[in-house]
């Protein structure tokens, strides 16, 4: 059998650890880059920097950082950053023999290079701004001119992609609703990998009754369904040791000038405020400790493509209760390795939490089964081979089309 050629892959996204480690995209990018290197491929990353332009190697990965602001507050700076990406990409393709580019759809960082590309571009779906806005219609994340520009450029990037990867069937099936002209056959489903060594059970607090929410405090994350469930649970259980802990950015302002934290406090009677705590954004390295200090994790998004927090929590043997409109429903077996609920039904969520509080042995068994399942299904060594296969086929198809 002919030995396959090793590739040079360029990953383009403003988010990349540690400096611009903002969310799940940066977690994915880092895992992808490191594991492609382990497979013998060459990887260059083009990412943002909050300080200066930088060019260095990180464990074999060539990282090029472009100074920028984030989130962008002016259209000129938004466009300027993407023009700098285009300039660097053009040079790399000519001088470093890049074979293929992977870039997320969100914010369309590679849009200017796509128009003149001489190598294929794979667009990785995370959650486009168009979909994010649909589920977060109470927040204006960008000024109006940037908002409209992003929507237009993301559309362009998606429609003109040589290949599209989605990490869940859920998002693949949702795309035609938002992108009417998109050929769904262009989308392949490859789940994200998880670093199975970074999250593990320690169970430092065996008697915990902490219900954990980890994610941005915003409408899309289903946070207001959980807020409605809190007084229902506390009233039914009459147990002052039950706590609700929120980890994540709570400073997003809605159209009335109210942040998520303030809105939740307004929804919950004052007599229960001492049962709630907001920790804000915590260092990634401390998440394992918080997961192990909890009794159950809630992933209640109105929509979420592939929430890493679910995988991380399950690796810590934390039982999770998740929305049935997220990629989590592809990760778990309902009532066996987790529980699913309707993200708009706060009573269903509340009753599932109460059920686990009253059946701690079952909750523990569920967490143990979940960890075993995740290790088997999302091991990076196995998942990255699927990415490599998509890259190789996309390069071959692109080259045939050129001829």
Protein backbone atom coordinates (compact mmCIF):
# COMPACT_ATOMS: atom_id res chain seq x y z
CA UNK A 1 0.00 0.00 0.00
CA UNK A 2 1.27 3.45 -0.94
CA UNK A 3 2.27 5.48 2.11
CA UNK A 4 0.08 8.57 2.54
CA UNK A 5 1.74 11.97 2.32
CA UNK A 6 1.95 13.99 5.52
CA UNK A 7 0.08 17.28 5.26
CA UNK A 8 0.71 20.86 6.34
CA UNK A 9 -2.56 22.12 7.84
CA UNK A 10 -3.26 25.74 8.70
CA UNK A 11 -5.84 26.46 11.42
CA UNK A 12 -7.22 29.99 11.27
CA UNK A 13 -9.21 31.41 14.17
CA UNK A 14 -8.81 34.36 16.52
CA UNK A 15 -9.20 32.00 19.50
CA UNK A 16 -6.24 29.86 20.56
CA UNK A 17 -4.88 29.08 24.05
CA UNK A 18 -3.60 30.52 26.19
CA UNK A 19 -3.79 34.18 25.25
CA UNK A 20 -7.11 34.12 23.42
CA UNK A 21 -8.64 31.09 25.10
CA UNK A 22 -12.22 32.36 25.05
CA UNK A 23 -14.46 29.30 24.72
CA UNK A 24 -14.96 25.83 23.31
CA UNK A 25 -13.52 26.77 19.92
CA UNK A 26 -10.09 27.43 21.41
CA UNK A 27 -10.25 24.12 23.31
CA UNK A 28 -10.99 22.32 20.04
CA UNK A 29 -8.27 24.16 18.08
CA UNK A 30 -5.61 23.27 20.64
CA UNK A 31 -6.59 19.59 20.78
CA UNK A 32 -6.73 19.39 16.98
CA UNK A 33 -3.34 21.06 16.50
CA UNK A 34 -1.52 18.98 19.13
CA UNK A 35 -2.96 15.68 17.92
CA UNK A 36 -2.26 16.40 14.25
CA UNK A 37 1.38 16.96 15.27
CA UNK A 38 1.36 13.60 17.07
CA UNK A 39 0.18 11.98 13.84
CA UNK A 40 3.22 13.39 12.04
CA UNK A 41 1.55 16.30 10.23
CA UNK A 42 2.74 19.91 10.22
CA UNK A 43 0.46 22.55 11.75
CA UNK A 44 0.46 26.34 11.58
CA UNK A 45 -2.06 28.36 13.59
CA UNK A 46 -3.06 31.95 12.81
CA UNK A 47 -4.72 33.48 15.87
CA UNK A 48 -5.30 36.77 17.64
CA UNK A 49 -3.26 38.52 20.30
CA UNK A 50 -4.39 41.07 22.88
CA UNK A 51 -0.87 42.51 23.15
CA UNK A 52 1.57 42.28 20.21
CA UNK A 53 2.18 40.43 16.96
CA UNK A 54 3.93 37.16 17.79
CA UNK A 55 5.57 34.26 15.94
CA UNK A 56 6.66 31.21 17.96
CA UNK A 57 6.45 27.43 18.34
CA UNK A 58 4.30 25.71 20.95
CA UNK A 59 4.99 21.99 21.26
CA UNK A 60 5.73 21.68 17.55
CA UNK A 61 2.81 23.90 16.46
CA UNK A 62 3.82 27.07 14.62
CA UNK A 63 1.71 29.89 16.12
CA UNK A 64 1.39 33.27 14.42
CA UNK A 65 -0.55 35.86 16.41
CA UNK A 66 -1.96 39.13 15.09
CA UNK A 67 -2.60 42.01 17.48
CA UNK A 68 -6.31 42.78 17.69
CA UNK A 69 -9.17 43.81 19.94
CA UNK A 70 -11.92 41.39 20.87
CA UNK A 71 -14.79 41.74 20.64
CA UNK A 72 -14.30 44.19 17.78
CA UNK A 73 -15.92 47.57 18.36
CA UNK A 74 -15.30 49.17 14.96
CA UNK A 75 -15.90 47.81 11.47
CA UNK A 76 -12.57 49.16 10.20
CA UNK A 77 -10.63 47.16 12.83
CA UNK A 78 -12.74 44.07 12.12
CA UNK A 79 -11.89 44.28 8.40
CA UNK A 80 -8.25 45.20 9.06
CA UNK A 81 -7.70 42.03 11.12
CA UNK A 82 -9.07 39.83 8.33
CA UNK A 83 -6.90 41.58 5.74
CA UNK A 84 -3.86 40.81 7.89
CA UNK A 85 -4.97 37.16 8.05
CA UNK A 86 -5.24 37.17 4.25
CA UNK A 87 -1.73 38.59 3.85
CA UNK A 88 -0.18 35.99 6.18
CA UNK A 89 -2.14 33.13 4.61
CA UNK A 90 -1.08 34.13 1.10
CA UNK A 91 2.57 34.18 2.16
CA UNK A 92 2.33 30.85 4.00
CA UNK A 93 0.67 29.10 1.07
CA UNK A 94 3.42 30.32 -1.27
CA UNK A 95 6.42 29.79 1.00
CA UNK A 96 5.44 27.04 3.47
CA UNK A 97 3.45 24.80 1.10
CA UNK A 98 0.23 24.72 3.12
CA UNK A 99 -2.00 21.88 1.86
CA UNK A 100 -5.35 22.80 3.44
CA UNK A 101 -6.95 25.37 5.74
CA UNK A 102 -9.50 24.75 8.49
CA UNK A 103 -11.38 27.75 9.82
CA UNK A 104 -14.57 28.17 11.87
CA UNK A 105 -17.60 29.81 10.32
CA UNK A 106 -18.01 32.23 13.20
CA UNK A 107 -16.68 35.72 12.37
CA UNK A 108 -15.29 34.54 8.99
CA UNK A 109 -11.60 35.15 9.75
CA UNK A 110 -10.49 33.62 6.41
CA UNK A 111 -13.01 35.37 4.17
CA UNK A 112 -10.58 37.50 2.13
CA UNK A 113 -8.26 34.61 1.35
CA UNK A 114 -11.18 32.37 0.39
CA UNK A 115 -11.98 34.56 -2.61
CA UNK A 116 -8.57 33.94 -4.23
CA UNK A 117 -7.64 30.59 -2.69
CA UNK A 118 -5.33 28.16 -4.42
CA UNK A 119 -5.80 25.45 -1.79
CA UNK A 120 -9.02 24.08 -0.25
CA UNK A 121 -10.73 25.58 2.79
CA UNK A 122 -12.64 23.42 5.25
CA UNK A 123 -15.17 25.38 7.29
CA UNK A 124 -15.78 23.95 10.76
CA UNK A 125 -19.24 24.65 12.16
CA UNK A 126 -19.36 25.65 15.81
CA UNK A 127 -22.34 28.00 15.95
CA UNK A 128 -22.56 30.82 13.43
CA UNK A 129 -23.41 34.33 14.52
CA UNK A 130 -26.69 34.05 12.59
CA UNK A 131 -27.76 31.05 14.70
CA UNK A 132 -26.35 32.58 17.90
CA UNK A 133 -28.44 35.72 17.32
CA UNK A 134 -31.60 33.68 16.73
CA UNK A 135 -31.32 32.11 20.18
CA UNK A 136 -29.91 35.24 21.86
CA UNK A 137 -32.30 37.79 20.39
CA UNK A 138 -32.15 39.94 23.53
CA UNK A 139 -28.42 40.75 23.20
CA UNK A 140 -26.62 43.00 20.72
CA UNK A 141 -23.11 41.55 20.75
CA UNK A 142 -21.67 43.94 18.13
CA UNK A 143 -22.45 47.44 16.84
CA UNK A 144 -25.01 47.37 14.00
CA UNK A 145 -22.53 47.86 11.14
CA UNK A 146 -20.28 45.02 12.36
CA UNK A 147 -23.34 42.87 13.06
CA UNK A 148 -24.58 43.12 9.45
CA UNK A 149 -21.09 42.68 8.00
CA UNK A 150 -20.43 39.51 10.02
CA UNK A 151 -23.72 37.94 8.94
CA UNK A 152 -22.92 38.64 5.29
CA UNK A 153 -19.34 37.36 5.44
CA UNK A 154 -20.21 34.23 7.41
CA UNK A 155 -22.85 33.40 4.79
CA UNK A 156 -20.26 33.87 2.05
CA UNK A 157 -17.68 31.69 3.82
CA UNK A 158 -20.18 28.87 4.40
CA UNK A 159 -21.67 28.85 0.90
CA UNK A 160 -18.25 28.86 -0.79
CA UNK A 161 -16.53 26.31 1.46
CA UNK A 162 -14.85 23.37 -0.25
CA UNK A 163 -15.98 21.14 2.61
CA UNK A 164 -17.92 21.72 5.83
CA UNK A 165 -17.46 19.78 9.07
CA UNK A 166 -20.07 19.75 11.82
CA UNK A 167 -19.34 18.15 15.17
CA UNK A 168 -22.98 17.10 15.60
CA UNK A 169 -25.79 15.77 13.46
CA UNK A 170 -28.03 18.27 15.24
CA UNK A 171 -26.27 21.27 13.70
CA UNK A 172 -25.97 19.63 10.28
CA UNK A 173 -29.73 19.14 10.20
CA UNK A 174 -30.36 22.69 11.46
CA UNK A 175 -28.21 24.44 8.83
CA UNK A 176 -30.78 24.43 5.96
CA UNK A 177 -33.20 26.36 8.18
CA UNK A 178 -30.75 29.28 8.33
CA UNK A 179 -28.91 28.76 5.03
CA UNK A 180 -31.57 27.96 2.45
CA UNK A 181 -29.23 27.49 -0.52
CA UNK A 182 -26.71 25.29 1.29
CA UNK A 183 -26.05 21.82 -0.09
CA UNK A 184 -26.32 19.69 3.06
CA UNK A 185 -24.34 16.92 1.32
CA UNK A 186 -21.29 19.18 1.59
CA UNK A 187 -21.43 18.75 5.39
CA UNK A 188 -19.68 15.84 7.11
CA UNK A 189 -20.11 15.06 10.80
CA UNK A 190 -16.93 14.58 12.84
CA UNK A 191 -17.32 14.91 16.62
CA UNK A 192 -14.85 17.00 18.59
CA UNK A 193 -12.17 15.19 20.59
CA UNK A 194 -11.70 15.67 24.33
CA UNK A 195 -8.49 15.62 26.36
CA UNK A 196 -9.28 12.56 28.47
CA UNK A 197 -6.26 13.14 30.74
CA UNK A 198 -7.20 16.67 31.85
CA UNK A 199 -10.51 15.77 33.49
CA UNK A 200 -10.87 12.97 36.03
CA UNK A 201 -12.84 12.11 39.18
CA UNK A 202 -11.51 13.04 42.61
CA UNK A 203 -14.83 13.59 44.42
CA UNK A 204 -13.37 15.92 47.00
CA UNK A 205 -16.89 16.60 48.36
CA UNK A 206 -18.93 13.39 48.55
CA UNK A 207 -21.82 15.10 50.33
CA UNK A 208 -22.17 17.94 47.85
CA UNK A 209 -25.62 19.17 46.92
CA UNK A 210 -24.27 21.76 44.49
CA UNK A 211 -26.07 22.05 41.16
CA UNK A 212 -23.53 23.40 38.66
CA UNK A 213 -24.12 25.52 35.58
CA UNK A 214 -21.03 26.26 33.50
CA UNK A 215 -21.33 28.61 30.51
CA UNK A 216 -22.18 32.17 29.52
CA UNK A 217 -25.13 33.59 31.44
CA UNK A 218 -27.26 34.24 28.37
CA UNK A 219 -30.62 33.27 26.93
CA UNK A 220 -29.26 30.70 24.43
CA UNK A 221 -27.73 28.69 27.26
CA UNK A 222 -31.19 28.08 28.75
CA UNK A 223 -30.25 29.98 31.86
CA UNK A 224 -33.73 31.38 32.47
CA UNK A 225 -35.32 27.93 32.46
CA UNK A 226 -32.90 26.98 35.24
CA UNK A 227 -33.68 30.22 37.08
CA UNK A 228 -37.40 29.34 37.07
CA UNK A 229 -36.58 25.86 38.35
CA UNK A 230 -34.54 27.08 41.34
CA UNK A 231 -37.37 28.32 43.62
CA UNK A 232 -39.47 25.29 42.64
CA UNK A 233 -36.66 22.93 43.75
CA UNK A 234 -35.84 24.79 46.97
CA UNK A 235 -39.50 24.99 47.94
CA UNK A 236 -40.09 21.27 47.28
CA UNK A 237 -36.91 20.04 48.98
CA UNK A 238 -36.79 22.47 51.91
CA UNK A 239 -33.05 21.77 52.21
CA UNK A 240 -30.82 24.83 52.87
CA UNK A 241 -27.67 22.89 51.88
CA UNK A 242 -28.72 22.82 48.20
CA UNK A 243 -26.63 25.34 46.26
CA UNK A 244 -26.72 26.60 42.68
CA UNK A 245 -23.30 27.59 41.35
CA UNK A 246 -22.86 29.53 38.10
CA UNK A 247 -19.49 29.60 36.33
CA UNK A 248 -19.12 31.79 33.25
CA UNK A 249 -19.45 35.31 31.91
CA UNK A 250 -22.47 37.02 33.49
CA UNK A 251 -21.80 40.53 32.14
CA UNK A 252 -23.58 40.30 28.77
CA UNK A 253 -26.08 43.17 28.68
CA UNK A 254 -29.54 42.77 27.16
CA UNK A 255 -31.46 45.45 25.26
CA UNK A 256 -32.77 46.86 28.56
CA UNK A 257 -29.26 47.29 29.96
CA UNK A 258 -29.58 44.37 32.40
CA UNK A 259 -26.85 41.74 32.77
CA UNK A 260 -27.61 38.03 33.11
CA UNK A 261 -26.69 37.86 36.79
CA UNK A 262 -29.02 40.72 37.69
CA UNK A 263 -31.86 39.24 35.66
CA UNK A 264 -31.57 35.88 37.45
CA UNK A 265 -31.64 37.52 40.87
CA UNK A 266 -34.81 39.36 39.84
CA UNK A 267 -36.45 36.06 38.86
CA UNK A 268 -35.75 34.36 42.20
CA UNK A 269 -37.29 35.33 45.57
CA UNK A 270 -34.81 37.07 47.89
CA UNK A 271 -35.17 34.35 50.52
CA UNK A 272 -33.32 31.99 48.13
CA UNK A 273 -30.52 34.36 47.06
CA UNK A 274 -28.12 32.84 49.61
CA UNK A 275 -28.49 29.50 47.78
CA UNK A 276 -27.00 31.01 44.61
CA UNK A 277 -23.43 32.00 43.76
CA UNK A 278 -21.86 33.48 40.63
CA UNK A 279 -18.13 32.83 40.21
CA UNK A 280 -17.72 34.51 36.82
CA UNK A 281 -15.04 33.19 34.47
CA UNK A 282 -12.63 30.82 36.22
CA UNK A 283 -9.24 29.56 34.94
CA UNK A 284 -9.55 26.48 32.73
CA UNK A 285 -7.14 24.60 35.00
CA UNK A 286 -9.55 24.94 37.95
CA UNK A 287 -12.59 23.48 36.20
CA UNK A 288 -11.74 19.90 37.18
CA UNK A 289 -11.92 20.89 40.85
CA UNK A 290 -15.29 22.63 40.45
CA UNK A 291 -16.74 19.69 38.51
CA UNK A 292 -15.69 17.33 41.29
CA UNK A 293 -17.17 19.60 43.95
CA UNK A 294 -20.63 19.42 42.33
CA UNK A 295 -23.47 16.91 42.61
CA UNK A 296 -24.96 17.37 39.14
CA UNK A 297 -24.18 19.45 36.04
CA UNK A 298 -26.83 21.28 34.02
CA UNK A 299 -26.42 21.83 30.27
CA UNK A 300 -29.76 23.40 29.46
CA UNK A 301 -29.14 25.32 26.24
CA UNK A 302 -31.98 26.24 23.92
CA UNK A 303 -29.43 25.20 21.30
CA UNK A 304 -25.81 24.13 21.59
CA UNK A 305 -23.79 22.38 18.93
CA UNK A 306 -21.22 20.48 20.99
CA UNK A 307 -20.81 21.82 24.55
CA UNK A 308 -17.39 20.82 25.84
CA UNK A 309 -18.55 21.32 29.43
CA UNK A 310 -20.74 18.23 29.07
CA UNK A 311 -17.80 16.04 28.03
CA UNK A 312 -15.56 17.52 30.72
CA UNK A 313 -18.12 16.99 33.47
CA UNK A 314 -18.85 13.42 32.40
CA UNK A 315 -15.12 12.63 32.49
CA UNK A 316 -15.26 13.70 36.15
CA UNK A 317 -18.12 11.21 36.69
CA UNK A 318 -20.49 14.11 37.27
CA UNK A 319 -24.03 13.11 36.22
CA UNK A 320 -25.50 15.65 33.83
CA UNK A 321 -29.00 16.80 32.93
CA UNK A 322 -28.97 18.18 29.40
CA UNK A 323 -31.28 19.86 26.92
CA UNK A 324 -32.55 17.58 24.17
CA UNK A 325 -31.79 20.35 21.66
CA UNK A 326 -28.02 20.12 22.07
CA UNK A 327 -25.30 17.85 20.74
CA UNK A 328 -25.31 16.22 24.19
CA UNK A 329 -28.16 13.98 23.06
CA UNK A 330 -25.61 12.38 20.72
CA UNK A 331 -23.13 11.95 23.60
CA UNK A 332 -25.35 10.17 26.12
CA UNK A 333 -27.95 7.45 26.44
CA UNK A 334 -30.94 8.99 28.22
CA UNK A 335 -31.52 7.58 31.73
CA UNK A 336 -28.29 5.57 31.48
CA UNK A 337 -25.33 7.94 31.05
CA UNK A 338 -27.29 11.16 31.61
CA UNK A 339 -30.76 12.70 31.57
CA UNK A 340 -32.43 14.75 28.82
CA UNK A 341 -35.16 17.39 29.13
CA UNK A 342 -37.09 19.97 27.12
CA UNK A 343 -35.09 23.23 27.52
CA UNK A 344 -38.30 25.27 27.83
CA UNK A 345 -39.86 23.08 30.55
CA UNK A 346 -38.55 24.28 33.91
CA UNK A 347 -40.71 21.84 35.90
CA UNK A 348 -39.29 18.87 34.01
CA UNK A 349 -35.77 20.12 34.74
CA UNK A 350 -36.62 20.74 38.39
CA UNK A 351 -38.14 17.30 38.85
CA UNK A 352 -35.10 15.60 37.28
CA UNK A 353 -32.78 17.47 39.67
CA UNK A 354 -35.00 16.50 42.62
CA UNK A 355 -35.04 12.88 41.41
CA UNK A 356 -31.22 12.69 41.45
CA UNK A 357 -31.03 14.43 44.83
CA UNK A 358 -33.32 11.71 46.17
CA UNK A 359 -31.47 8.88 44.39
CA UNK A 360 -27.78 9.55 44.98
CA UNK A 361 -26.64 5.98 44.27
CA UNK A 362 -28.28 6.07 40.85
CA UNK A 363 -26.68 9.46 40.17
CA UNK A 364 -23.27 8.04 41.07
CA UNK A 365 -23.70 5.00 38.79
CA UNK A 366 -24.81 7.29 35.96
CA UNK A 367 -21.63 9.36 36.33
CA UNK A 368 -19.38 6.29 36.28
CA UNK A 369 -21.03 4.95 33.11
CA UNK A 370 -20.79 8.37 31.47
CA UNK A 371 -17.01 8.58 31.97
CA UNK A 372 -16.46 5.14 30.43
CA UNK A 373 -18.62 6.07 27.44
CA UNK A 374 -16.82 9.38 26.77
CA UNK A 375 -13.35 7.79 26.94
CA UNK A 376 -14.46 5.23 24.37
CA UNK A 377 -16.23 7.60 21.95
CA UNK A 378 -14.20 10.84 22.03
CA UNK A 379 -10.59 9.73 22.40
CA UNK A 380 -8.47 12.19 20.34
CA UNK A 381 -6.34 9.43 18.83
CA UNK A 382 -9.44 8.01 17.13
CA UNK A 383 -11.30 11.25 16.32
CA UNK A 384 -8.34 12.98 14.64
CA UNK A 385 -8.14 10.17 12.07
CA UNK A 386 -11.61 11.23 10.87
CA UNK A 387 -10.39 14.83 10.45
CA UNK A 388 -7.37 13.63 8.49
CA UNK A 389 -9.56 11.53 6.21
CA UNK A 390 -11.78 14.55 5.45
CA UNK A 391 -8.71 16.70 4.70
CA UNK A 392 -7.23 14.13 2.32
CA UNK A 393 -10.46 13.65 0.39
CA UNK A 394 -11.07 17.41 0.21
CA UNK A 395 -7.57 18.04 -1.18
CA UNK A 396 -8.05 15.33 -3.82
CA UNK A 397 -11.47 16.69 -4.83
CA UNK A 398 -10.12 20.25 -5.00
CA UNK A 399 -7.17 19.21 -7.18
CA UNK A 400 -9.42 17.23 -9.54
CA UNK A 401 -11.72 20.25 -9.93
CA UNK A 402 -8.75 22.53 -10.69
CA UNK A 403 -7.65 20.27 -13.53
